[in-house]
């Protein structure tokens, strides 16, 4: 990940902008946490910049292991130990900036066995990853139990289980086992469960299968409609308005409504781990889209993290994009979508 350098006047302008809004001095049980999903690798300076520029109350911190596909259990769990040590070194920066984190296991044991349209996690193809993930979450829960900076555990990012090998646990069963393993150690920290691929259309597979009364949050990563959210990103080549006759506001809310229905029936909270819109969309479309989904999230009292802070430029609220030539560039002034996000963060 490249480091972004900021002109002095740029930082001053941002600081003046955020001071126009009241930042709550403390958070209570009714707080809705809002922020950004982080890049797969972040530094202390990134966290300080996140706090200085955006002042979010939440960040989604991803435990990502680039060599997981070829690693055995010993190698994977050794990496977990190093990942814990690195996160520990960042905790003071999160604390000093008033940012809590969702601890998300972006790379489960074994990584992927297949890629393509429907990738597969080895977690559902081999026995050892299913044993390892229980041990890993026991270790994480033991280590971070009582740590006020770690707000929630996101047990697997977008679980990829189009099929499950004979004799292995399916995702609802494995998720329930992970939840129980955590709760045997940490009875308080919220636990986040995503449906397969982080897509709310698979929520039916979880209905009635998760343990009740365990302070759970159901989550998905809605990018609907993709023709709008991914415009300018292959294969979505057309620049489109939102809302429009073809894509009314309701087209952006399908997953959110499914989450709301599931949460009501199953007694869970709601957390949106990722949502975004390409910076190639026209500014008016970007703001219209964000207003539509954020207002609905407020209605359903969902916690959320926008995707993403200093990951790919196309999703970065700090970048502008030129449709001609599909070029991205670091903004010299704060883009309007970033300003809009900051306003939401400061509303508490």
Foldseek 3Di string as FASTA:
>chain_A
DDDDDADPVQLVVQQVLLVVFAFDPDDDPLDFFEAAEEAQDDDLVLLLCRLSRQLGQEYEHEPDDPCQQPDDLVVVVVSLVVSVVRVVVNVVSCVVSNHAYAYEHAAQHNRWPADDPQTAGCCQVDDVSLVSLLVSLLVVLQVCAPPPRHQEYESYAQHRPPDGDPPHDDDLVSVQSSLVSSCVRHQDREYEYAAHRLFLVRCVVNQPSHDAPRAYAYEGAFAFPCLFQVDLPPPNPDADAPPDPVHDLVRRCPSVVSRLVRCVRRVYHYEYEEYFGFLQHPLVRRVNNCVSVVVVCVVSSYHYHYPHDPHDQRRHQQWHFDSVVGDIDGDNHRRPSSSVSSNVSSVD
